C-alpha cells in the first residue's frame, strides 16, 4: 500500500528521471575524460617525437677557455659527436670524463637549444718543474702534476730540485714546503717566472 502511494504521488517518476539524467551526465563526463586522456597522450607522443627529431641534433660544439689543451683533444675526450641528439648528451658524465684530464681545473657544460653544446674549460696554470730521472714533472700552484716528460708544455719554468716524487702524472704532491713555494710562484707574473727560470 505504501509502495503504491509512493508511485502514485509522482515521486517515483521523478526519481527515475533523475537517475536517467545522472546516467547521461556520467556518460558525457566519461567520454570527456577519455577524450582528454587521448589528447594528452597524443600531445606527449608528438612532443617526444619532436624532441627526438633532427632539429635537436648537435650541429656545433663550442669549446672555450683552453690555451694549452688542444680543441681536438677536448672533442675526443668529451665523446660528444655532431649529429647525436642534444638531450642524449650526458653532461654530468662528460664533465667527469673531462675532469680526469690533469690540466683541467674545472669544466662547465651546457646545452644551447636547439643544437649547440658549450664546453667552458678552466685550465690549471703550469708554475714549476721538478726533475724526475731524465724527465720533468710539470706542476701547478696547488701541487697537481699536470704532465711528465715530453707532455710538459713549457721548459721555461722554474726548476725545483731536492724532492723525491712518486711515479705517475695524475696526482697531487702533498709536500707543504713545496706547496708554499708553488703558491708564491702563482702570485708572480709570467715575466717574473721567466726571470726565476
Protein backbone atom coordinates (compact mmCIF):
# COMPACT_ATOMS: atom_id res chain seq x y z
CA UNK A 1 0.00 0.00 0.00
CA UNK A 2 2.84 2.42 0.87
CA UNK A 3 4.67 1.48 -2.30
CA UNK A 4 1.56 2.24 -4.34
CA UNK A 5 1.21 5.66 -2.70
CA UNK A 6 4.85 6.44 -3.39
CA UNK A 7 4.44 5.74 -7.09
CA UNK A 8 1.09 7.36 -7.31
CA UNK A 9 2.39 10.65 -5.91
CA UNK A 10 4.68 11.02 -8.95
CA UNK A 11 7.80 10.82 -6.88
CA UNK A 12 8.76 7.52 -8.47
CA UNK A 13 8.63 9.09 -11.91
CA UNK A 14 10.79 11.96 -10.67
CA UNK A 15 13.35 9.53 -9.23
CA UNK A 16 13.56 7.60 -12.48
CA UNK A 17 14.12 10.87 -14.40
CA UNK A 18 16.90 11.86 -12.01
CA UNK A 19 18.58 8.50 -12.46
CA UNK A 20 18.44 8.78 -16.26
CA UNK A 21 19.83 12.32 -16.18
CA UNK A 22 22.68 11.19 -13.93
CA UNK A 23 23.47 8.30 -16.24
CA UNK A 24 23.58 10.65 -19.26
CA UNK A 25 25.76 13.13 -17.37
CA UNK A 26 28.14 10.34 -16.25
CA UNK A 27 28.42 9.09 -19.84
CA UNK A 28 29.23 12.60 -21.09
CA UNK A 29 31.84 13.04 -18.32
CA UNK A 30 33.44 9.66 -19.03
CA UNK A 31 33.57 10.45 -22.78
CA UNK A 32 35.13 13.84 -21.97
CA UNK A 33 37.68 12.20 -19.68
CA UNK A 34 38.51 9.67 -22.40
CA UNK A 35 38.96 12.45 -24.96
CA UNK A 36 41.19 14.46 -22.59
CA UNK A 37 43.36 11.42 -21.82
CA UNK A 38 43.64 10.67 -25.54
CA UNK A 39 44.53 14.27 -26.31
CA UNK A 40 47.18 14.35 -23.55
CA UNK A 41 48.65 11.10 -24.85
CA UNK A 42 48.73 12.46 -28.41
CA UNK A 43 50.47 15.65 -27.24
CA UNK A 44 53.02 13.63 -25.23
CA UNK A 45 53.81 11.41 -28.24
CA UNK A 46 54.11 14.45 -30.53
CA UNK A 47 56.44 16.27 -28.10
CA UNK A 48 58.57 13.12 -27.65
CA UNK A 49 58.85 12.62 -31.42
CA UNK A 50 59.75 16.31 -31.88
CA UNK A 51 62.47 16.13 -29.20
CA UNK A 52 63.97 13.09 -30.97
CA UNK A 53 63.92 14.79 -34.39
CA UNK A 54 66.91 16.11 -36.34
CA UNK A 55 66.01 19.61 -35.16
CA UNK A 56 67.78 18.75 -31.87
CA UNK A 57 70.83 17.05 -33.42
CA UNK A 58 74.12 18.53 -32.21
CA UNK A 59 75.37 20.79 -35.00
CA UNK A 60 78.11 22.64 -33.11
CA UNK A 61 80.35 22.01 -30.10
CA UNK A 62 81.74 25.28 -28.73
CA UNK A 63 84.91 24.97 -26.65
CA UNK A 64 86.33 27.97 -24.83
CA UNK A 65 88.96 28.73 -22.19
CA UNK A 66 91.57 26.25 -23.43
CA UNK A 67 95.07 27.53 -24.16
CA UNK A 68 97.32 24.53 -23.51
CA UNK A 69 94.91 21.71 -24.32
CA UNK A 70 94.10 21.41 -28.00
CA UNK A 71 90.46 21.72 -29.01
CA UNK A 72 90.63 18.45 -30.96
CA UNK A 73 91.83 16.63 -27.84
CA UNK A 74 88.91 18.03 -25.81
CA UNK A 75 86.47 16.99 -28.55
CA UNK A 76 87.78 13.42 -28.49
CA UNK A 77 87.80 13.26 -24.66
CA UNK A 78 84.25 14.65 -24.43
CA UNK A 79 82.90 11.78 -26.57
CA UNK A 80 80.28 14.18 -28.00
CA UNK A 81 79.68 13.64 -31.70
CA UNK A 82 77.95 16.01 -34.09
CA UNK A 83 74.62 14.60 -35.16
CA UNK A 84 73.74 12.96 -31.85
CA UNK A 85 70.58 14.13 -30.11
CA UNK A 86 71.33 17.04 -27.78
CA UNK A 87 69.20 15.51 -25.00
CA UNK A 88 71.16 12.25 -25.15
CA UNK A 89 74.38 14.05 -24.23
CA UNK A 90 75.04 13.18 -20.58
CA UNK A 91 76.51 16.46 -19.32
CA UNK A 92 77.47 15.08 -15.89
CA UNK A 93 79.27 12.07 -17.34
CA UNK A 94 81.08 14.21 -19.92
CA UNK A 95 82.11 16.65 -17.18
CA UNK A 96 83.54 13.78 -15.09
CA UNK A 97 85.46 12.44 -18.10
CA UNK A 98 86.97 15.85 -18.92
CA UNK A 99 87.89 16.48 -15.27
CA UNK A 100 90.10 13.37 -15.40
CA UNK A 101 92.49 15.40 -17.54
CA UNK A 102 95.01 16.79 -15.00
CA UNK A 103 95.34 20.04 -16.97
CA UNK A 104 91.66 20.83 -16.39
CA UNK A 105 90.81 22.54 -13.13
CA UNK A 106 87.11 22.96 -13.83
CA UNK A 107 84.73 22.41 -16.73
CA UNK A 108 81.21 23.69 -17.34
CA UNK A 109 78.98 22.05 -19.94
CA UNK A 110 75.63 23.37 -21.13
CA UNK A 111 73.07 22.91 -23.88
CA UNK A 112 72.20 25.86 -26.07
CA UNK A 113 68.96 24.82 -27.72
CA UNK A 114 68.25 23.66 -30.27
CA UNK A 115 71.61 22.20 -31.35
CA UNK A 116 74.74 23.57 -29.62
CA UNK A 117 76.81 22.09 -26.78
CA UNK A 118 79.03 24.55 -24.92
CA UNK A 119 82.17 23.37 -23.09
CA UNK A 120 83.87 26.03 -20.96
CA UNK A 121 87.23 24.95 -19.61
CA UNK A 122 89.34 26.43 -16.83
CA UNK A 123 92.86 25.10 -17.22
CA UNK A 124 95.45 24.69 -14.50
CA UNK A 125 98.42 27.00 -14.98
CA UNK A 126 101.87 25.37 -15.03
CA UNK A 127 104.08 27.01 -12.39
CA UNK A 128 107.20 24.90 -11.96
CA UNK A 129 109.10 21.78 -13.00
CA UNK A 130 110.52 19.03 -10.82
CA UNK A 131 113.22 16.76 -12.27
CA UNK A 132 112.42 13.06 -12.16
CA UNK A 133 115.15 10.88 -13.64
CA UNK A 134 115.75 12.06 -17.20
CA UNK A 135 112.38 13.86 -17.36
CA UNK A 136 110.48 16.65 -15.66
CA UNK A 137 107.15 16.79 -13.86
CA UNK A 138 105.10 19.92 -14.56
CA UNK A 139 103.21 21.29 -11.53
CA UNK A 140 100.52 23.90 -11.00
CA UNK A 141 100.21 26.21 -7.98
CA UNK A 142 98.38 23.54 -5.93
CA UNK A 143 100.99 20.83 -6.46
CA UNK A 144 98.96 18.92 -9.04
CA UNK A 145 101.16 17.10 -11.55
CA UNK A 146 99.94 18.24 -14.97
CA UNK A 147 102.33 16.39 -17.24
CA UNK A 148 105.50 14.39 -17.43
CA UNK A 149 108.43 14.36 -19.83
CA UNK A 150 107.52 15.13 -23.43
CA UNK A 151 104.00 16.23 -22.43
CA UNK A 152 105.41 19.21 -20.50
CA UNK A 153 104.03 22.36 -22.12
CA UNK A 154 106.97 24.65 -21.41
CA UNK A 155 110.50 24.17 -20.14
CA UNK A 156 110.72 27.88 -19.45
CA UNK A 157 109.54 27.45 -15.85
CA UNK A 158 111.37 27.47 -12.51
CA UNK A 159 113.00 24.11 -11.75
CA UNK A 160 112.71 22.90 -8.16
CA UNK A 161 115.28 20.31 -7.07
CA UNK A 162 115.82 18.25 -3.95
CA UNK A 163 112.44 16.46 -3.87
CA UNK A 164 111.72 12.76 -4.25
CA UNK A 165 108.42 12.27 -6.08
CA UNK A 166 106.46 9.08 -6.81
CA UNK A 167 105.93 7.89 -10.39
CA UNK A 168 102.82 8.98 -12.24
CA UNK A 169 101.26 12.15 -13.57
CA UNK A 170 97.70 12.24 -12.30
CA UNK A 171 98.24 13.05 -8.63
CA UNK A 172 98.88 15.89 -6.23
CA UNK A 173 102.11 16.37 -4.32
CA UNK A 174 101.42 16.95 -0.63
CA UNK A 175 104.77 18.42 0.47
CA UNK A 176 103.81 21.54 2.50
CA UNK A 177 107.06 23.41 1.77
CA UNK A 178 106.65 22.77 -1.93
CA UNK A 179 103.01 23.93 -1.84
CA UNK A 180 104.06 27.21 -0.17
CA UNK A 181 106.73 27.73 -2.81
CA UNK A 182 104.27 26.98 -5.62
CA UNK A 183 101.72 29.38 -4.12
CA UNK A 184 104.39 32.09 -4.07
CA UNK A 185 105.19 31.33 -7.72
CA UNK A 186 101.46 31.53 -8.53
CA UNK A 187 101.43 35.18 -7.45
CA UNK A 188 104.16 36.07 -9.93
CA UNK A 189 103.55 37.24 -13.48
CA UNK A 190 104.72 35.05 -16.40
CA UNK A 191 107.58 37.53 -16.98
CA UNK A 192 108.72 37.22 -13.34
CA UNK A 193 108.55 33.42 -13.57
CA UNK A 194 110.85 33.54 -16.59
CA UNK A 195 113.36 35.52 -14.53
CA UNK A 196 113.37 32.76 -11.91
CA UNK A 197 113.94 30.20 -14.64
